[in-house]
N, C-alpha and C. Protein backbone atom coordinates (compact mmCIF):
# COMPACT_ATOMS: atom_id res chain seq x y z
N UNK A 1 11.04 -7.65 -32.08
CA UNK A 1 11.15 -8.42 -30.86
C UNK A 1 10.03 -9.45 -30.82
N UNK A 2 10.34 -10.68 -30.56
CA UNK A 2 9.30 -11.71 -30.50
C UNK A 2 8.32 -11.48 -29.34
N UNK A 3 7.14 -11.98 -29.53
CA UNK A 3 6.07 -11.80 -28.54
C UNK A 3 6.45 -12.37 -27.18
N UNK A 4 7.14 -13.50 -27.15
CA UNK A 4 7.55 -14.13 -25.89
C UNK A 4 8.52 -13.25 -25.12
N UNK A 5 9.46 -12.62 -25.82
CA UNK A 5 10.41 -11.73 -25.15
C UNK A 5 9.72 -10.53 -24.55
N UNK A 6 8.76 -9.97 -25.26
CA UNK A 6 7.99 -8.83 -24.75
C UNK A 6 7.23 -9.24 -23.49
N UNK A 7 6.58 -10.41 -23.55
CA UNK A 7 5.84 -10.90 -22.40
C UNK A 7 6.73 -11.10 -21.20
N UNK A 8 7.90 -11.68 -21.41
CA UNK A 8 8.85 -11.90 -20.31
C UNK A 8 9.33 -10.57 -19.73
N UNK A 9 9.61 -9.60 -20.59
CA UNK A 9 10.07 -8.29 -20.12
C UNK A 9 8.98 -7.61 -19.30
N UNK A 10 7.73 -7.68 -19.75
CA UNK A 10 6.64 -7.06 -18.99
C UNK A 10 6.43 -7.77 -17.65
N UNK A 11 6.56 -9.07 -17.63
CA UNK A 11 6.39 -9.83 -16.38
C UNK A 11 7.46 -9.44 -15.36
N UNK A 12 8.68 -9.21 -15.81
CA UNK A 12 9.76 -8.79 -14.92
C UNK A 12 9.47 -7.41 -14.34
N UNK A 13 8.95 -6.50 -15.16
CA UNK A 13 8.63 -5.15 -14.68
C UNK A 13 7.53 -5.19 -13.63
N UNK A 14 6.51 -5.98 -13.85
CA UNK A 14 5.40 -6.04 -12.92
C UNK A 14 5.82 -6.63 -11.59
N UNK A 15 6.72 -7.55 -11.57
CA UNK A 15 7.10 -8.21 -10.33
C UNK A 15 7.89 -7.27 -9.41
N UNK A 16 8.54 -6.26 -9.94
CA UNK A 16 9.32 -5.35 -9.12
C UNK A 16 8.46 -4.29 -8.43
N UNK A 17 7.30 -4.02 -9.02
CA UNK A 17 6.45 -2.99 -8.45
C UNK A 17 5.57 -3.55 -7.35
N UNK A 18 5.09 -2.66 -6.52
CA UNK A 18 4.16 -3.08 -5.49
C UNK A 18 4.67 -2.66 -4.12
N UNK A 19 3.78 -2.61 -3.19
CA UNK A 19 4.09 -2.22 -1.84
C UNK A 19 3.96 -3.44 -0.94
N UNK A 20 4.96 -3.71 -0.19
CA UNK A 20 4.91 -4.82 0.75
C UNK A 20 4.46 -4.24 2.10
N UNK A 21 3.16 -4.21 2.28
CA UNK A 21 2.53 -3.54 3.42
C UNK A 21 2.93 -4.18 4.75
N UNK A 22 3.14 -5.48 4.76
CA UNK A 22 3.49 -6.17 6.01
C UNK A 22 4.83 -5.69 6.56
N UNK A 23 5.65 -5.12 5.70
CA UNK A 23 6.93 -4.57 6.13
C UNK A 23 6.74 -3.44 7.14
N UNK A 24 5.63 -2.70 7.00
CA UNK A 24 5.37 -1.53 7.83
C UNK A 24 4.36 -1.80 8.93
N UNK A 25 3.87 -3.01 9.04
CA UNK A 25 2.87 -3.36 10.02
C UNK A 25 3.43 -3.20 11.45
N UNK A 26 2.76 -2.41 12.26
CA UNK A 26 3.17 -2.23 13.65
C UNK A 26 4.26 -1.20 13.86
N UNK A 27 4.65 -0.48 12.83
CA UNK A 27 5.74 0.50 12.94
C UNK A 27 5.27 1.74 13.69
N UNK A 28 4.10 2.23 13.37
CA UNK A 28 3.59 3.47 13.99
C UNK A 28 2.85 3.12 15.28
N UNK A 29 3.22 3.79 16.33
CA UNK A 29 2.57 3.58 17.62
C UNK A 29 1.63 4.78 17.86
N UNK A 30 0.34 4.49 17.95
CA UNK A 30 -0.66 5.52 18.16
C UNK A 30 -0.94 5.65 19.65
N UNK A 31 -1.18 6.88 20.09
CA UNK A 31 -1.54 7.13 21.48
C UNK A 31 -3.05 7.20 21.62
N UNK A 32 -3.77 6.93 20.53
CA UNK A 32 -5.22 7.07 20.50
C UNK A 32 -5.81 5.84 19.81
N UNK A 33 -7.01 5.49 20.22
CA UNK A 33 -7.73 4.38 19.58
C UNK A 33 -8.04 4.74 18.14
N UNK A 34 -7.87 3.79 17.22
CA UNK A 34 -8.07 4.04 15.81
C UNK A 34 -9.48 4.51 15.46
N UNK A 35 -10.48 3.92 16.09
CA UNK A 35 -11.87 4.29 15.80
C UNK A 35 -12.16 5.72 16.29
N UNK A 36 -11.66 6.08 17.46
CA UNK A 36 -11.85 7.45 17.96
C UNK A 36 -11.16 8.46 17.05
N UNK A 37 -9.98 8.09 16.54
CA UNK A 37 -9.25 8.97 15.63
C UNK A 37 -10.05 9.21 14.35
N UNK A 38 -10.61 8.14 13.75
CA UNK A 38 -11.40 8.29 12.55
C UNK A 38 -12.63 9.14 12.79
N UNK A 39 -13.32 8.93 13.89
CA UNK A 39 -14.51 9.72 14.19
C UNK A 39 -14.17 11.19 14.36
N UNK A 40 -13.06 11.47 15.02
CA UNK A 40 -12.63 12.84 15.23
C UNK A 40 -12.32 13.51 13.89
N UNK A 41 -11.62 12.83 13.02
CA UNK A 41 -11.29 13.39 11.72
C UNK A 41 -12.54 13.62 10.88
N UNK A 42 -13.45 12.67 10.90
CA UNK A 42 -14.66 12.78 10.08
C UNK A 42 -15.60 13.85 10.61
N UNK A 43 -15.56 14.11 11.88
CA UNK A 43 -16.44 15.14 12.44
C UNK A 43 -15.94 16.53 12.05
N UNK A 44 -14.67 16.65 11.68
CA UNK A 44 -14.14 17.94 11.24
C UNK A 44 -14.74 18.36 9.90
N UNK A 45 -15.21 17.42 9.10
CA UNK A 45 -15.79 17.73 7.79
C UNK A 45 -17.21 18.28 7.90
N UNK A 46 -17.88 18.01 9.00
CA UNK A 46 -19.28 18.45 9.14
C UNK A 46 -19.36 19.92 9.48
C-alpha cells in the first residue's frame, strides 16, 4: 500500500473519533450550585 493511501486512511479514522461536548451542553439541570457540589464531594475524601 502506498504511503499516501495509508496517510489518507489514518486521517479518515481520526476524523470520526472524538466527543462533541457542545452537543451535551446544558442538558443536565442541577438543583445545586456547582462549586458547593464540588466542595461537598471533596470533603468526603477527608
